[in-house]
Amino acid sequence: MKKSETKAPDLDELEKILAYSFSDRSLLKRAVTHRSWAHEQVAPGNEEEARRLHNEALEFIGDSVLGLIVADFLFQSYPDVTEGELSRMKHRLVSAPTLARASARLTLGEYMSVGRGEEKSGGRHKRALLADAFEAVLAAIFLDGGLTAATDFIHLALADELEDVDPESAAAADFKTLLQERLQADFHTTPQYAVIETSGPPHRRMFHVELSWDSDSVRAQGRTIKAAETSAARLALEKISGR
């Protein structure tokens, strides 16, 4: 059996990017090993040996550690919001698109060991692979250095997302994302938002937004454009569901 010829990742360089030095370097090596590479290194059918090489089990741990760290951050940052608001913010922060973007910023894909087929299909840049790699690396840091090290890594790797998240933006993303998915599924179109009017004095500005799709539309208002768009998306969802 011909083994994969993927070049071994430079783990020294990767540790600098992660701002963490491993006591057990094998954890980092496993975290950046995709199952496609592992299966090329063992005899056909030897699933147990392959599992010891690739990062899928680490993804499982990383998912739980990430949820704990993010939940704690949100609880400490927003002690007075509702459970629903906390859940929406958490969902946004731990979603695959968020993790994939953070993984891409860290260039984790460039340090992955992937099989020949995955390499040819551009696997290093696939959203799912990048998100999974992020969780696996987090798990490796947690197993090597504990919860404090894992928390420090998350605060570094998701710094932009943690700074930007708030109850309003999470709610906006929730309703607007749901609407976009619904319109794409039912009408093969996307929502179009337009500010049609602003009213009130500068310190009490009111924004009026029209949301249109297919051959229909709704209007809503809010103290910010984001709030108005969120209200419009909610109204549109109610209108579509009531048909």
Protein backbone atom coordinates (compact mmCIF):
# COMPACT_ATOMS: atom_id res chain seq x y z
CA MET A 1 0.00 0.00 0.00
CA LYS A 2 1.34 3.39 -0.98
CA LYS A 3 1.19 5.82 1.89
CA SER A 4 0.21 9.47 1.62
CA GLU A 5 3.00 11.77 0.56
CA THR A 6 1.52 14.82 2.31
CA LYS A 7 4.31 16.90 3.80
CA ALA A 8 4.42 16.77 7.60
CA PRO A 9 3.14 20.03 9.10
CA ASP A 10 5.59 22.38 10.81
CA LEU A 11 4.30 22.07 14.37
CA ASP A 12 6.82 24.57 15.73
CA GLU A 13 5.38 27.18 13.43
CA LEU A 14 1.81 26.18 14.27
CA GLU A 15 2.44 26.50 18.00
CA LYS A 16 3.54 30.10 17.44
CA ILE A 17 0.30 30.81 15.58
CA LEU A 18 -1.74 29.22 18.36
CA ALA A 19 0.27 31.06 21.03
CA TYR A 20 0.56 27.80 22.95
CA SER A 21 3.43 25.35 23.45
CA PHE A 22 2.49 21.72 23.95
CA SER A 23 3.98 19.44 26.56
CA ASP A 24 2.62 16.49 24.59
CA ARG A 25 3.20 17.38 20.93
CA SER A 26 1.40 14.20 19.80
CA LEU A 27 -1.92 15.80 20.75
CA LEU A 28 -1.34 18.66 18.31
CA LYS A 29 -0.22 16.25 15.60
CA ARG A 30 -3.42 14.23 16.00
CA ALA A 31 -5.55 17.39 16.07
CA VAL A 32 -4.36 18.37 12.59
CA THR A 33 -4.67 14.86 11.11
CA HIS A 34 -7.72 14.28 8.93
CA ARG A 35 -9.27 10.83 8.70
CA SER A 36 -8.50 10.70 4.96
CA TRP A 37 -4.76 10.79 5.74
CA ALA A 38 -5.04 8.32 8.63
CA HIS A 39 -6.74 5.71 6.47
CA GLU A 40 -3.92 5.92 3.93
CA GLN A 41 -1.39 5.07 6.65
CA VAL A 42 -2.93 1.79 7.85
CA ALA A 43 -3.90 -1.51 6.29
CA PRO A 44 -7.34 -1.55 4.63
CA GLY A 45 -10.10 -2.24 7.12
CA ASN A 46 -8.02 -1.36 10.18
CA GLU A 47 -10.46 1.26 11.44
CA GLU A 48 -9.35 1.05 15.06
CA GLU A 49 -5.74 1.94 14.24
CA ALA A 50 -6.86 4.77 11.96
CA ARG A 51 -9.04 6.22 14.73
CA ARG A 52 -5.99 6.51 16.95
CA LEU A 53 -4.35 8.69 14.32
CA HIS A 54 -7.06 11.12 13.21
CA ASN A 55 -8.84 13.95 14.99
CA GLU A 56 -12.52 12.94 15.08
CA ALA A 57 -12.54 11.97 18.77
CA LEU A 58 -10.83 15.25 19.59
CA GLU A 59 -13.58 17.12 17.73
CA PHE A 60 -16.10 15.60 20.14
CA ILE A 61 -14.17 16.88 23.16
CA GLY A 62 -13.53 20.26 21.57
CA ASP A 63 -17.22 20.78 20.87
CA SER A 64 -18.05 20.35 24.57
CA VAL A 65 -15.14 22.48 25.80
CA LEU A 66 -16.06 25.25 23.36
CA GLY A 67 -19.66 25.25 24.55
CA LEU A 68 -18.57 25.57 28.18
CA ILE A 69 -16.09 28.39 27.53
CA VAL A 70 -18.51 30.37 25.38
CA ALA A 71 -21.40 29.86 27.81
CA ASP A 72 -19.26 31.11 30.70
CA PHE A 73 -18.08 34.13 28.70
CA LEU A 74 -21.66 35.09 27.79
CA PHE A 75 -22.95 34.57 31.33
CA GLN A 76 -20.20 36.77 32.75
CA SER A 77 -20.61 39.43 30.03
CA TYR A 78 -24.43 39.56 29.98
CA PRO A 79 -25.68 38.61 33.47
CA ASP A 80 -29.10 40.23 32.99
CA VAL A 81 -30.25 38.81 29.64
CA THR A 82 -32.67 35.94 29.18
CA GLU A 83 -31.75 32.30 28.61
CA GLY A 84 -33.08 32.58 25.07
CA GLU A 85 -30.81 35.52 24.32
CA LEU A 86 -27.82 33.67 25.76
CA SER A 87 -28.67 30.63 23.64
CA ARG A 88 -28.91 32.68 20.44
CA MET A 89 -25.55 34.33 21.10
CA LYS A 90 -23.94 30.99 21.94
CA HIS A 91 -25.38 29.36 18.82
CA ARG A 92 -23.85 32.08 16.68
CA LEU A 93 -20.43 31.81 18.32
CA VAL A 94 -20.14 28.01 18.12
CA SER A 95 -21.61 27.64 14.62
CA ALA A 96 -19.62 25.97 11.85
CA PRO A 97 -19.32 29.18 9.78
CA THR A 98 -17.87 31.05 12.79
CA LEU A 99 -15.39 28.30 13.58
CA ALA A 100 -14.40 27.93 9.94
CA ARG A 101 -13.64 31.66 9.67
CA ALA A 102 -11.54 31.54 12.84
CA SER A 103 -9.77 28.44 11.59
CA ALA A 104 -9.00 30.17 8.29
CA ARG A 105 -7.56 33.18 10.14
CA LEU A 106 -5.25 30.79 11.99
CA THR A 107 -4.42 29.10 8.65
CA LEU A 108 -5.12 25.70 10.23
CA GLY A 109 -5.91 24.21 6.83
CA GLU A 110 -2.31 24.71 5.75
CA TYR A 111 -1.10 22.56 8.64
CA MET A 112 -3.54 19.68 8.16
CA SER A 113 -2.40 16.22 7.10
CA VAL A 114 -4.98 15.17 4.52
CA GLY A 115 -5.25 12.26 2.12
CA ARG A 116 -4.49 12.51 -1.58
CA GLY A 117 -8.15 12.62 -2.60
CA GLU A 118 -9.00 15.29 -0.05
CA GLU A 119 -5.99 17.30 -1.17
CA LYS A 120 -7.08 17.19 -4.81
CA SER A 121 -10.63 18.26 -3.98
CA GLY A 122 -9.47 21.34 -2.05
CA GLY A 123 -10.24 19.83 1.33
CA ARG A 124 -7.93 22.18 3.20
CA HIS A 125 -10.33 25.02 2.46
CA LYS A 126 -13.63 23.21 3.09
CA ARG A 127 -15.74 24.81 5.79
CA ALA A 128 -16.53 21.55 7.56
CA LEU A 129 -12.89 20.45 7.67
CA LEU A 130 -11.78 23.83 9.02
CA ALA A 131 -14.49 23.93 11.70
CA ASP A 132 -13.67 20.38 12.78
CA ALA A 133 -9.96 21.20 12.92
CA PHE A 134 -10.66 24.19 15.15
CA GLU A 135 -12.54 22.00 17.64
CA ALA A 136 -9.82 19.35 17.54
CA VAL A 137 -7.05 21.87 18.22
CA LEU A 138 -9.07 23.32 21.09
CA ALA A 139 -9.45 19.82 22.55
CA ALA A 140 -5.71 19.20 22.22
CA ILE A 141 -4.94 22.41 24.10
CA PHE A 142 -7.49 21.51 26.78
CA LEU A 143 -6.08 18.00 27.27
CA ASP A 144 -2.53 19.32 27.37
CA GLY A 145 -2.93 22.48 29.42
CA GLY A 146 -6.36 22.41 31.03
CA LEU A 147 -9.35 24.73 30.96
CA THR A 148 -7.36 27.93 31.54
CA ALA A 149 -5.18 27.30 28.48
CA ALA A 150 -8.23 26.40 26.40
CA THR A 151 -10.02 29.56 27.52
CA ASP A 152 -7.02 31.71 26.65
CA PHE A 153 -6.97 30.15 23.18
CA ILE A 154 -10.67 30.84 22.59
CA HIS A 155 -10.32 34.44 23.73
CA LEU A 156 -7.49 34.80 21.20
CA ALA A 157 -8.94 32.84 18.29
CA LEU A 158 -12.50 34.22 18.59
CA ALA A 159 -11.54 37.69 19.78
CA ASP A 160 -13.43 39.50 17.00
CA GLU A 161 -16.57 37.39 17.39
CA LEU A 162 -16.62 37.67 21.19
CA GLU A 163 -16.26 41.43 20.94
CA ASP A 164 -19.02 41.82 18.35
CA VAL A 165 -21.65 39.49 19.79
CA ASP A 166 -24.58 41.04 21.66
CA PRO A 167 -28.26 40.12 22.18
CA GLU A 168 -29.49 42.42 19.41
CA SER A 169 -27.08 41.18 16.73
CA ALA A 170 -27.74 37.56 17.70
CA ALA A 171 -31.50 38.09 17.41
CA ALA A 172 -31.03 39.86 14.09
CA ALA A 173 -28.91 37.03 12.74
CA ASP A 174 -31.48 34.53 14.01
CA PHE A 175 -34.58 35.96 12.30
CA LYS A 176 -32.72 37.10 9.19
CA THR A 177 -30.97 33.76 8.77
CA LEU A 178 -34.23 31.86 9.23
CA LEU A 179 -35.94 34.06 6.66
CA GLN A 180 -33.15 33.68 4.12
CA GLU A 181 -33.18 29.90 4.47
CA ARG A 182 -36.99 29.84 4.13
CA LEU A 183 -37.03 32.05 1.04
CA GLN A 184 -34.29 30.07 -0.65
CA ALA A 185 -36.14 26.82 0.00
CA ASP A 186 -39.64 28.02 -0.94
CA PHE A 187 -39.03 30.70 -3.58
CA HIS A 188 -35.40 30.28 -4.67
CA THR A 189 -34.79 33.91 -3.88
CA THR A 190 -33.17 36.08 -1.20
CA PRO A 191 -34.62 38.93 0.90
CA GLN A 192 -33.93 42.51 -0.09
CA TYR A 193 -33.80 45.18 2.64
CA ALA A 194 -34.09 48.91 1.94
CA VAL A 195 -34.31 51.92 4.25
CA ILE A 196 -37.24 53.91 2.85
CA GLU A 197 -37.51 56.64 5.48
CA THR A 198 -35.93 58.05 8.63
CA SER A 199 -37.92 60.10 11.09
CA GLY A 200 -37.62 61.79 14.46
CA PRO A 201 -34.91 63.99 16.00
CA PRO A 202 -31.28 62.84 15.97
CA HIS A 203 -31.43 61.52 19.53
CA ARG A 204 -34.62 59.52 18.82
CA ARG A 205 -34.15 58.51 15.22
CA MET A 206 -36.57 55.98 13.79
CA PHE A 207 -35.65 53.89 10.74
CA HIS A 208 -38.33 52.56 8.39
CA VAL A 209 -37.35 49.51 6.34
CA GLU A 210 -39.05 47.69 3.49
CA LEU A 211 -38.25 44.02 3.03
CA SER A 212 -39.17 42.53 -0.34
CA TRP A 213 -38.97 39.03 -1.80
CA ASP A 214 -40.50 37.30 -4.80
CA SER A 215 -43.61 39.45 -5.42
CA ASP A 216 -44.32 40.33 -1.79
CA SER A 217 -43.06 42.75 0.86
CA VAL A 218 -43.44 43.96 4.45
CA ARG A 219 -42.47 47.13 6.27
CA ALA A 220 -41.14 47.62 9.79
CA GLN A 221 -39.43 50.24 11.91
CA GLY A 222 -36.85 50.37 14.66
CA ARG A 223 -34.44 52.59 16.56
CA THR A 224 -31.57 51.20 14.48
CA ILE A 225 -31.44 49.83 10.95
CA LYS A 226 -30.53 46.42 12.36
CA ALA A 227 -33.54 46.45 14.68
CA ALA A 228 -35.84 47.49 11.84
CA GLU A 229 -34.52 44.74 9.58
CA THR A 230 -34.96 42.20 12.38
CA SER A 231 -38.58 43.24 12.87
CA ALA A 232 -39.18 43.07 9.13
CA ALA A 233 -37.69 39.57 8.93
CA ARG A 234 -39.93 38.43 11.80
CA LEU A 235 -43.01 39.88 10.09
CA ALA A 236 -42.05 38.26 6.81
CA LEU A 237 -41.67 34.86 8.48
CA GLU A 238 -45.10 35.26 10.08
CA LYS A 239 -46.62 36.29 6.75
CA ILE A 240 -45.09 33.36 4.86
CA SER A 241 -46.10 30.86 7.56
CA GLY A 242 -49.65 32.21 7.57
CA ARG A 243 -50.23 31.46 3.89
